[in-house]
C-alpha atoms as a PDB file:
ATOM      1  CA  MET A   1      96.981 -70.045-153.671  1.00  0.00           C
ATOM      2  CA  ILE A   2      93.392 -71.020-152.527  1.00  0.00           C
ATOM      3  CA  ALA A   3      93.917 -69.239-148.856  1.00  0.00           C
ATOM      4  CA  VAL A   4      94.781 -65.935-151.048  1.00  0.00           C
ATOM      5  CA  CYS A   5      91.675 -66.105-153.171  1.00  0.00           C
ATOM      6  CA  ALA A   6      89.693 -66.977-149.964  1.00  0.00           C
ATOM      7  CA  ILE A   7      90.949 -64.020-148.182  1.00  0.00           C
ATOM      8  CA  TRP A   8      90.670 -61.600-151.058  1.00  0.00           C
ATOM      9  CA  GLY A   9      87.075 -63.374-151.742  1.00  0.00           C
ATOM     10  CA  LEU A  10      85.822 -62.943-148.183  1.00  0.00           C
ATOM     11  CA  SER A  11      87.283 -59.405-147.463  1.00  0.00           C
ATOM     12  CA  PRO A  12      84.180 -57.708-148.211  1.00  0.00           C
ATOM     13  CA  LEU A  13      82.850 -58.708-145.193  1.00  0.00           C
ATOM     14  CA  TYR A  14      85.730 -57.275-143.391  1.00  0.00           C
ATOM     15  CA  TYR A  15      85.546 -53.966-144.915  1.00  0.00           C
ATOM     16  CA  GLY A  16      81.908 -53.959-144.412  1.00  0.00           C
ATOM     17  CA  LEU A  17      82.704 -53.516-140.778  1.00  0.00           C
ATOM     18  CA  LEU A  18      84.340 -50.144-141.700  1.00  0.00           C
ATOM     19  CA  ALA A  19      81.462 -48.825-143.716  1.00  0.00           C
ATOM     20  CA  HIS A  20      81.174 -46.112-140.938  1.00  0.00           C
ATOM     21  CA  VAL A  21      84.446 -44.850-141.929  1.00  0.00           C
ATOM     22  CA  PRO A  22      84.744 -42.800-145.053  1.00  0.00           C
ATOM     23  CA  SER A  23      86.438 -44.757-148.041  1.00  0.00           C
ATOM     24  CA  ASP A  24      89.194 -42.243-148.448  1.00  0.00           C
ATOM     25  CA  GLN A  25      90.291 -42.590-144.904  1.00  0.00           C
ATOM     26  CA  VAL A  26      89.988 -46.281-144.944  1.00  0.00           C
ATOM     27  CA  LEU A  27      92.282 -46.148-148.068  1.00  0.00           C
ATOM     28  CA  ALA A  28      94.674 -43.951-146.042  1.00  0.00           C
ATOM     29  CA  HIS A  29      94.868 -46.190-143.034  1.00  0.00           C
ATOM     30  CA  ARG A  30      95.417 -49.217-145.162  1.00  0.00           C
ATOM     31  CA  GLY A  31      98.255 -47.670-146.554  1.00  0.00           C
ATOM     32  CA  VAL A  32     100.041 -46.923-143.512  1.00  0.00           C
ATOM     33  CA  TRP A  33      99.398 -50.038-141.554  1.00  0.00           C
ATOM     34  CA  ALA A  34     100.517 -52.226-144.595  1.00  0.00           C
ATOM     35  CA  LEU A  35     103.811 -50.549-144.378  1.00  0.00           C
ATOM     36  CA  ALA A  36     103.739 -50.932-140.913  1.00  0.00           C
ATOM     37  CA  LEU A  37     103.938 -54.669-141.356  1.00  0.00           C
ATOM     38  CA  PHE A  38     105.785 -54.681-144.691  1.00  0.00           C
ATOM     39  CA  LEU A  39     108.857 -53.038-143.249  1.00  0.00           C
ATOM     40  CA  PRO A  40     109.615 -55.214-140.367  1.00  0.00           C
ATOM     41  CA  ILE A  41     109.219 -58.502-142.500  1.00  0.00           C
ATOM     42  CA  ALA A  42     111.717 -57.134-144.967  1.00  0.00           C
ATOM     43  CA  ALA A  43     114.389 -56.497-142.303  1.00  0.00           C
ATOM     44  CA  LEU A  44     113.750 -60.126-140.816  1.00  0.00           C
ATOM     45  CA  ARG A  45     114.292 -61.134-144.308  1.00  0.00           C
ATOM     46  CA  GLY A  46     117.242 -59.231-145.068  1.00  0.00           C
ATOM     47  CA  ASP A  47     115.787 -57.189-147.791  1.00  0.00           C
ATOM     48  CA  LEU A  48     116.283 -53.502-146.740  1.00  0.00           C
ATOM     49  CA  GLY A  49     119.418 -53.316-148.751  1.00  0.00           C
ATOM     50  CA  ALA A  50     117.461 -54.183-151.949  1.00  0.00           C
ATOM     51  CA  LEU A  51     114.477 -52.201-150.820  1.00  0.00           C
ATOM     52  CA  CYS A  52     116.777 -49.074-150.683  1.00  0.00           C
ATOM     53  CA  ARG A  53     118.404 -49.963-154.038  1.00  0.00           C
ATOM     54  CA  LEU A  54     115.126 -50.245-155.721  1.00  0.00           C
ATOM     55  CA  LEU A  55     113.941 -46.813-154.019  1.00  0.00           C
ATOM     56  CA  GLY A  56     117.064 -45.018-155.158  1.00  0.00           C
ATOM     57  CA  ASP A  57     117.084 -46.154-158.695  1.00  0.00           C
ATOM     58  CA  GLY A  58     116.002 -43.413-161.150  1.00  0.00           C
ATOM     59  CA  ARG A  59     115.190 -45.706-163.830  1.00  0.00           C
ATOM     60  CA  GLN A  60     112.773 -47.612-161.489  1.00  0.00           C
ATOM     61  CA  ARG A  61     111.083 -44.509-160.247  1.00  0.00           C
ATOM     62  CA  LEU A  62     108.260 -43.887-162.829  1.00  0.00           C
ATOM     63  CA  PRO A  63     107.021 -47.777-162.953  1.00  0.00           C
ATOM     64  CA  LEU A  64     107.070 -47.710-159.105  1.00  0.00           C
ATOM     65  CA  MET A  65     105.108 -44.463-158.661  1.00  0.00           C
ATOM     66  CA  THR A  66     102.710 -45.569-161.534  1.00  0.00           C
ATOM     67  CA  ALA A  67     102.293 -49.108-160.006  1.00  0.00           C
ATOM     68  CA  SER A  68     101.823 -47.477-156.321  1.00  0.00           C
ATOM     69  CA  ALA A  69      99.055 -45.068-157.714  1.00  0.00           C
ATOM     70  CA  ALA A  70      97.431 -47.892-159.597  1.00  0.00           C
ATOM     71  CA  ILE A  71      97.153 -50.314-156.692  1.00  0.00           C
ATOM     72  CA  ALA A  72      96.242 -47.413-154.466  1.00  0.00           C
ATOM     73  CA  ALA A  73      93.216 -46.508-156.862  1.00  0.00           C
ATOM     74  CA  ASN A  74      92.314 -50.232-157.154  1.00  0.00           C
ATOM     75  CA  TRP A  75      92.150 -50.619-153.058  1.00  0.00           C
ATOM     76  CA  PHE A  76      89.929 -47.251-153.184  1.00  0.00           C
ATOM     77  CA  LEU A  77      87.524 -48.705-155.410  1.00  0.00           C
ATOM     78  CA  PHE A  78      87.369 -51.783-153.930  1.00  0.00           C
ATOM     79  CA  ILE A  79      86.775 -50.250-150.517  1.00  0.00           C
ATOM     80  CA  LEU A  80      84.218 -48.002-152.075  1.00  0.00           C
ATOM     81  CA  ALA A  81      82.386 -50.793-153.691  1.00  0.00           C
ATOM     82  CA  THR A  82      81.971 -52.330-150.241  1.00  0.00           C
ATOM     83  CA  ALA A  83      80.845 -49.355-148.523  1.00  0.00           C
ATOM     84  CA  ILE A  84      78.223 -48.497-151.071  1.00  0.00           C
ATOM     85  CA  ASP A  85      76.855 -52.098-151.540  1.00  0.00           C
ATOM     86  CA  ARG A  86      78.489 -52.729-155.107  1.00  0.00           C
ATOM     87  CA  VAL A  87      80.455 -55.834-154.381  1.00  0.00           C
ATOM     88  CA  THR A  88      78.676 -57.462-157.307  1.00  0.00           C
ATOM     89  CA  GLU A  89      80.355 -54.828-159.430  1.00  0.00           C
ATOM     90  CA  SER A  90      83.651 -55.453-157.923  1.00  0.00           C
ATOM     91  CA  SER A  91      83.567 -59.306-158.477  1.00  0.00           C
ATOM     92  CA  LEU A  92      82.908 -58.674-162.304  1.00  0.00           C
ATOM     93  CA  GLY A  93      85.731 -56.239-162.486  1.00  0.00           C
ATOM     94  CA  TYR A  94      88.069 -58.962-161.084  1.00  0.00           C
ATOM     95  CA  TYR A  95      86.581 -61.406-163.698  1.00  0.00           C
ATOM     96  CA  ILE A  96      87.051 -58.724-166.623  1.00  0.00           C
ATOM     97  CA  PHE A  97      90.957 -58.081-165.383  1.00  0.00           C
ATOM     98  CA  PRO A  98      92.440 -61.125-167.318  1.00  0.00           C
ATOM     99  CA  LEU A  99      90.864 -60.150-170.482  1.00  0.00           C
ATOM    100  CA  MET A 100      91.649 -56.627-170.223  1.00  0.00           C
ATOM    101  CA  SER A 101      95.237 -57.592-169.553  1.00  0.00           C
ATOM    102  CA  VAL A 102      95.017 -59.728-172.968  1.00  0.00           C
ATOM    103  CA  ALA A 103      93.615 -56.926-174.691  1.00  0.00           C
ATOM    104  CA  VAL A 104      96.387 -54.385-173.365  1.00  0.00           C
ATOM    105  CA  GLY A 105      99.250 -56.959-174.172  1.00  0.00           C
ATOM    106  CA  ALA A 106      98.175 -56.612-177.652  1.00  0.00           C
ATOM    107  CA  ALA A 107      97.710 -53.173-177.805  1.00  0.00           C
ATOM    108  CA  VAL A 108     100.885 -51.902-175.983  1.00  0.00           C
ATOM    109  CA  LEU A 109     103.345 -55.035-175.902  1.00  0.00           C
ATOM    110  CA  GLY A 110     102.524 -56.182-179.387  1.00  0.00           C
ATOM    111  CA  GLU A 111     101.286 -59.443-178.179  1.00  0.00           C
ATOM    112  CA  ARG A 112      99.665 -61.660-180.799  1.00  0.00           C
ATOM    113  CA  LEU A 113      96.436 -62.903-179.771  1.00  0.00           C
ATOM    114  CA  SER A 114      94.653 -66.151-181.088  1.00  0.00           C
ATOM    115  CA  PHE A 115      91.193 -66.108-182.329  1.00  0.00           C
ATOM    116  CA  ARG A 116      89.865 -67.633-179.169  1.00  0.00           C
ATOM    117  CA  GLN A 117      91.510 -65.071-177.370  1.00  0.00           C
ATOM    118  CA  TRP A 118      90.114 -62.217-179.311  1.00  0.00           C
ATOM    119  CA  ALA A 119      86.646 -64.036-179.238  1.00  0.00           C
ATOM    120  CA  ALA A 120      87.183 -64.103-175.239  1.00  0.00           C
ATOM    121  CA  VAL A 121      87.786 -60.206-175.581  1.00  0.00           C
ATOM    122  CA  GLY A 122      84.739 -59.615-177.472  1.00  0.00           C
ATOM    123  CA  LEU A 123      82.520 -61.422-175.037  1.00  0.00           C
ATOM    124  CA  ALA A 124      83.659 -59.351-172.327  1.00  0.00           C
ATOM    125  CA  VAL A 125      83.123 -56.467-174.186  1.00  0.00           C
ATOM    126  CA  ALA A 126      79.762 -57.546-174.787  1.00  0.00           C
ATOM    127  CA  ALA A 127      79.041 -58.074-171.208  1.00  0.00           C
ATOM    128  CA  VAL A 128      80.086 -54.674-170.119  1.00  0.00           C
ATOM    129  CA  VAL A 129      77.841 -53.104-172.986  1.00  0.00           C
ATOM    130  CA  VAL A 130      74.814 -55.507-172.050  1.00  0.00           C
ATOM    131  CA  LEU A 131      75.287 -54.224-168.379  1.00  0.00           C
ATOM    132  CA  GLY A 132      75.712 -50.866-169.090  1.00  0.00           C
ATOM    133  CA  ALA A 133      72.854 -50.477-171.517  1.00  0.00           C
ATOM    134  CA  GLY A 134      70.578 -52.691-169.107  1.00  0.00           C
ATOM    135  CA  LEU A 135      71.426 -50.464-166.114  1.00  0.00           C
ATOM    136  CA  GLY A 136      71.485 -47.256-167.907  1.00  0.00           C
ATOM    137  CA  ALA A 137      75.201 -46.526-166.745  1.00  0.00           C
ATOM    138  CA  LEU A 138      78.597 -48.280-167.505  1.00  0.00           C
ATOM    139  CA  PRO A 139      79.593 -50.564-164.590  1.00  0.00           C
ATOM    140  CA  TRP A 140      82.266 -47.951-163.661  1.00  0.00           C
ATOM    141  CA  ILE A 141      83.488 -49.805-160.586  1.00  0.00           C
ATOM    142  CA  SER A 142      83.982 -52.967-162.488  1.00  0.00           C
ATOM    143  CA  LEU A 143      85.986 -50.862-165.348  1.00  0.00           C
ATOM    144  CA  GLY A 144      88.052 -49.253-162.980  1.00  0.00           C
ATOM    145  CA  LEU A 145      88.831 -52.224-160.962  1.00  0.00           C
ATOM    146  CA  ALA A 146      90.112 -54.074-164.185  1.00  0.00           C
ATOM    147  CA  LEU A 147      91.793 -51.178-165.657  1.00  0.00           C
ATOM    148  CA  THR A 148      94.013 -50.202-162.420  1.00  0.00           C
ATOM    149  CA  MET A 149      94.815 -54.042-162.066  1.00  0.00           C
ATOM    150  CA  THR A 150      95.830 -54.103-165.725  1.00  0.00           C
ATOM    151  CA  LEU A 151      97.935 -50.840-165.305  1.00  0.00           C
ATOM    152  CA  TYR A 152      99.612 -52.432-162.199  1.00  0.00           C
ATOM    153  CA  ALA A 153     100.341 -55.844-163.723  1.00  0.00           C
ATOM    154  CA  LEU A 154     101.802 -53.747-166.669  1.00  0.00           C
ATOM    155  CA  MET A 155     104.076 -51.610-164.582  1.00  0.00           C
ATOM    156  CA  LYS A 156     105.435 -54.881-162.270  1.00  0.00           C
ATOM    157  CA  ARG A 157     106.862 -55.982-165.855  1.00  0.00           C
ATOM    158  CA  TYR A 158     109.498 -53.066-165.551  1.00  0.00           C
ATOM    159  CA  ILE A 159     110.235 -53.352-161.848  1.00  0.00           C
ATOM    160  CA  ALA A 160     113.252 -55.231-161.372  1.00  0.00           C
ATOM    161  CA  ALA A 161     112.950 -56.539-157.704  1.00  0.00           C
ATOM    162  CA  GLY A 162     111.384 -59.557-156.011  1.00  0.00           C
ATOM    163  CA  PRO A 163     107.572 -59.725-155.176  1.00  0.00           C
ATOM    164  CA  LEU A 164     108.192 -58.826-151.388  1.00  0.00           C
ATOM    165  CA  VAL A 165     110.641 -55.734-151.912  1.00  0.00           C
ATOM    166  CA  SER A 166     108.420 -54.428-154.919  1.00  0.00           C
ATOM    167  CA  VAL A 167     105.011 -54.366-152.903  1.00  0.00           C
ATOM    168  CA  THR A 168     106.966 -52.601-149.777  1.00  0.00           C
ATOM    169  CA  ALA A 169     108.527 -50.171-152.191  1.00  0.00           C
ATOM    170  CA  GLU A 170     104.939 -49.325-153.350  1.00  0.00           C
ATOM    171  CA  ALA A 171     103.606 -48.934-149.707  1.00  0.00           C
ATOM    172  CA  VAL A 172     106.727 -46.550-149.376  1.00  0.00           C
ATOM    173  CA  TRP A 173     105.432 -44.459-151.789  1.00  0.00           C
ATOM    174  CA  ILE A 174     101.591 -44.637-150.794  1.00  0.00           C
ATOM    175  CA  ALA A 175     102.232 -44.739-146.898  1.00  0.00           C
ATOM    176  CA  PRO A 176     103.169 -40.835-146.561  1.00  0.00           C
ATOM    177  CA  ALA A 177     100.637 -39.265-148.431  1.00  0.00           C
ATOM    178  CA  SER A 178      98.255 -41.640-146.600  1.00  0.00           C
ATOM    179  CA  LEU A 179      99.448 -40.334-143.106  1.00  0.00           C
ATOM    180  CA  VAL A 180      99.318 -36.722-144.142  1.00  0.00           C
ATOM    181  CA  TRP A 181      95.660 -37.650-145.343  1.00  0.00           C
ATOM    182  CA  ILE A 182      94.800 -39.342-141.894  1.00  0.00           C
ATOM    183  CA  VAL A 183      96.151 -36.205-139.804  1.00  0.00           C
ATOM    184  CA  TRP A 184      94.497 -33.624-142.346  1.00  0.00           C
ATOM    185  CA  SER A 185      91.149 -35.462-142.501  1.00  0.00           C
ATOM    186  CA  GLY A 186      91.043 -35.949-138.664  1.00  0.00           C
ATOM    187  CA  SER A 187      90.732 -40.015-139.067  1.00  0.00           C
ATOM    188  CA  TYR A 188      92.033 -40.719-135.368  1.00  0.00           C
ATOM    189  CA  GLY A 189      89.068 -40.089-133.183  1.00  0.00           C
ATOM    190  CA  HIS A 190      87.908 -43.647-133.507  1.00  0.00           C
ATOM    191  CA  ASP A 191      86.774 -46.153-130.802  1.00  0.00           C
ATOM    192  CA  ALA A 192      88.905 -49.213-129.793  1.00  0.00           C
ATOM    193  CA  ALA A 193      86.962 -51.375-132.125  1.00  0.00           C
ATOM    194  CA  THR A 194      87.339 -49.259-135.175  1.00  0.00           C
ATOM    195  CA  TRP A 195      91.129 -48.876-134.418  1.00  0.00           C
ATOM    196  CA  ALA A 196      91.561 -52.600-134.217  1.00  0.00           C
ATOM    197  CA  LEU A 197      89.776 -53.044-137.812  1.00  0.00           C
ATOM    198  CA  LEU A 198      91.798 -50.314-139.007  1.00  0.00           C
ATOM    199  CA  VAL A 199      95.072 -51.775-137.838  1.00  0.00           C
ATOM    200  CA  GLY A 200      94.070 -55.029-138.998  1.00  0.00           C
ATOM    201  CA  MET A 201      94.211 -54.081-142.324  1.00  0.00           C
ATOM    202  CA  GLY A 202      97.933 -54.322-142.354  1.00  0.00           C
ATOM    203  CA  PRO A 203      97.567 -58.205-142.037  1.00  0.00           C
ATOM    204  CA  ILE A 204      94.757 -58.243-144.254  1.00  0.00           C
ATOM    205  CA  THR A 205      96.875 -56.472-146.849  1.00  0.00           C
ATOM    206  CA  ALA A 206     100.102 -58.351-146.280  1.00  0.00           C
ATOM    207  CA  ILE A 207      99.343 -61.769-145.466  1.00  0.00           C
ATOM    208  CA  PRO A 208      97.631 -62.852-148.788  1.00  0.00           C
ATOM    209  CA  LEU A 209     100.492 -61.178-150.676  1.00  0.00           C
ATOM    210  CA  MET A 210     103.137 -63.194-148.715  1.00  0.00           C
ATOM    211  CA  LEU A 211     101.157 -66.180-149.452  1.00  0.00           C
ATOM    212  CA  PHE A 212     100.977 -65.521-153.062  1.00  0.00           C
ATOM    213  CA  SER A 213     104.526 -65.029-153.405  1.00  0.00           C
ATOM    214  CA  PHE A 214     105.157 -68.257-151.774  1.00  0.00           C
ATOM    215  CA  ALA A 215     102.674 -70.176-153.778  1.00  0.00           C
ATOM    216  CA  ALA A 216     103.528 -68.469-156.974  1.00  0.00           C
ATOM    217  CA  GLN A 217     107.017 -70.080-156.869  1.00  0.00           C
ATOM    218  CA  ARG A 218     105.419 -73.608-156.543  1.00  0.00           C
ATOM    219  CA  VAL A 219     102.359 -73.436-158.735  1.00  0.00           C
ATOM    220  CA  SER A 220     102.175 -73.553-162.412  1.00  0.00           C
ATOM    221  CA  MET A 221     101.302 -70.186-164.147  1.00  0.00           C
ATOM    222  CA  GLY A 222      98.256 -72.227-165.750  1.00  0.00           C
ATOM    223  CA  LEU A 223      96.969 -73.284-162.333  1.00  0.00           C
ATOM    224  CA  GLN A 224      97.478 -69.836-160.884  1.00  0.00           C
ATOM    225  CA  GLY A 225      95.341 -68.358-163.472  1.00  0.00           C
ATOM    226  CA  PHE A 226      92.551 -70.639-163.037  1.00  0.00           C
ATOM    227  CA  LEU A 227      92.683 -70.589-159.129  1.00  0.00           C
ATOM    228  CA  MET A 228      92.598 -66.676-159.328  1.00  0.00           C
ATOM    229  CA  TYR A 229      89.009 -67.130-160.460  1.00  0.00           C
ATOM    230  CA  LEU A 230      88.107 -68.387-157.082  1.00  0.00           C
ATOM    231  CA  ASN A 231      88.589 -64.591-155.789  1.00  0.00           C
ATOM    232  CA  PRO A 232      85.594 -62.828-157.919  1.00  0.00           C
ATOM    233  CA  THR A 233      83.450 -66.202-157.560  1.00  0.00           C
ATOM    234  CA  ILE A 234      83.588 -65.797-153.809  1.00  0.00           C
ATOM    235  CA  GLN A 235      83.112 -62.125-153.925  1.00  0.00           C
ATOM    236  CA  GLY A 236      80.045 -62.653-155.886  1.00  0.00           C
ATOM    237  CA  ALA A 237      78.721 -65.237-153.790  1.00  0.00           C
ATOM    238  CA  VAL A 238      79.422 -62.971-150.535  1.00  0.00           C
ATOM    239  CA  ALA A 239      77.521 -60.248-152.461  1.00  0.00           C
ATOM    240  CA  VAL A 240      74.420 -61.986-153.357  1.00  0.00           C
ATOM    241  CA  MET A 241      74.131 -64.739-150.310  1.00  0.00           C
ATOM    242  CA  ILE A 242      75.452 -62.656-147.288  1.00  0.00           C
ATOM    243  CA  LEU A 243      75.170 -58.961-148.158  1.00  0.00           C
ATOM    244  CA  ASN A 244      71.782 -59.288-150.076  1.00  0.00           C
ATOM    245  CA  GLU A 245      72.745 -57.308-153.126  1.00  0.00           C
ATOM    246  CA  ALA A 246      70.393 -57.380-155.905  1.00  0.00           C
ATOM    247  CA  LEU A 247      71.246 -59.516-159.124  1.00  0.00           C
ATOM    248  CA  THR A 248      69.129 -58.005-161.948  1.00  0.00           C
ATOM    249  CA  GLY A 249      68.306 -59.863-165.000  1.00  0.00           C
ATOM    250  CA  TRP A 250      70.989 -57.936-166.646  1.00  0.00           C
ATOM    251  CA  HIS A 251      73.803 -59.252-164.620  1.00  0.00           C
ATOM    252  CA  MET A 252      72.408 -62.856-165.222  1.00  0.00           C
ATOM    253  CA  ILE A 253      73.124 -62.058-168.967  1.00  0.00           C
ATOM    254  CA  ALA A 254      76.539 -60.254-168.336  1.00  0.00           C
ATOM    255  CA  PHE A 255      78.180 -62.792-165.828  1.00  0.00           C
ATOM    256  CA  PRO A 256      77.557 -65.780-168.148  1.00  0.00           C
ATOM    257  CA  LEU A 257      79.205 -63.756-170.920  1.00  0.00           C
ATOM    258  CA  ILE A 258      82.212 -63.319-168.789  1.00  0.00           C
ATOM    259  CA  TRP A 259      82.244 -66.719-167.892  1.00  0.00           C
ATOM    260  CA  ALA A 260      82.360 -68.025-171.339  1.00  0.00           C
ATOM    261  CA  ALA A 261      84.953 -65.530-172.349  1.00  0.00           C
ATOM    262  CA  LEU A 262      87.320 -66.912-169.244  1.00  0.00           C
ATOM    263  CA  PHE A 263      86.268 -70.423-170.637  1.00  0.00           C
ATOM    264  CA  LEU A 264      87.779 -69.655-174.026  1.00  0.00           C
ATOM    265  CA  TYR A 265      90.645 -67.790-172.203  1.00  0.00           C
ATOM    266  CA  SER A 266      91.441 -70.788-170.089  1.00  0.00           C
ATOM    267  CA  VAL A 267      91.163 -73.025-172.839  1.00  0.00           C
ATOM    268  CA  GLU A 268      93.875 -71.228-175.070  1.00  0.00           C
ATOM    269  CA  ALA A 269      96.104 -70.718-172.189  1.00  0.00           C
ATOM    270  CA  VAL A 270      96.221 -74.477-171.459  1.00  0.00           C
ATOM    271  CA  ARG A 271      96.552 -75.000-175.263  1.00  0.00           C
ATOM    272  CA  LYS A 272      99.614 -72.714-175.256  1.00  0.00           C
ATOM    273  CA  ALA A 273     101.147 -74.058-172.274  1.00  0.00           C
ATOM    274  CA  ARG A 274     101.091 -77.714-173.455  1.00  0.00           C
ATOM    275  CA  ALA A 275     102.455 -76.773-177.015  1.00  0.00           C
ATOM    276  CA  PRO A 276     105.782 -78.006-177.762  1.00  0.00           C
ATOM    277  CA  VAL A 277     108.461 -75.649-177.942  1.00  0.00           C
ATOM    278  CA  ALA A 278     110.306 -75.222-181.110  1.00  0.00           C
ATOM    279  CA  PRO A 279     113.949 -76.287-181.117  1.00  0.00           C
ATOM    280  CA  ALA A 280     116.343 -73.392-181.430  1.00  0.00           C
ATOM    281  CA  PRO A 281     118.006 -73.264-185.155  1.00  0.00           C
END
């Protein structure tokens, strides 16, 4: 799980090497090369039958298409943030994501929130308002990343398949349009180094997802949630210390508000995990 967060957190350095390629073309190549790696892995695992059943299930089509669109939009915003030197905003987005998920769980799924959880959501909203008012514009990349990840996580609840099969099915939906876009936009006249980086997005996408699937079966949910904060923390450090992005006074107010919200959220998650389960009547 630590390796997953390290790969995701350091990935802005990789995508920064592709800053000379338009973000829409980078996204298209990511969709194609991710599928090129996922399919052989699914075949080696004997998952092609399950993949075909999932793709042919009419009841699964809407959540699968929505999840595919959400993760593609999330990829695009992340790639764009790297290209326009807004990795600090992408870091904030991945901090906001779990808190937005809590709010959506209450609004859409009818999940009941405790006082600490409502306080955490309130602090996250305050952070966004402070940053938006201070910078004169809403942090739309942060909000977009958090919203697309929340929608993706929500749709995954309705997809009846294992993690590798479901992400492969999502790549099947994304790749055809990606390939058409590559051909239409002429995104194939690159030098050898650029081609190597574009093809390398297959492993960069697939490896952490496979590691996550492996770790998720062996690590408690509470520890997973805690470790996942390493991703935006590493992203933020990369943005400021390596990419030399500016950290304004407004960021220095917003980030502590988010950290306080995540602290409350984590305390409540631990409390619920340790609470005794009432015996069945």
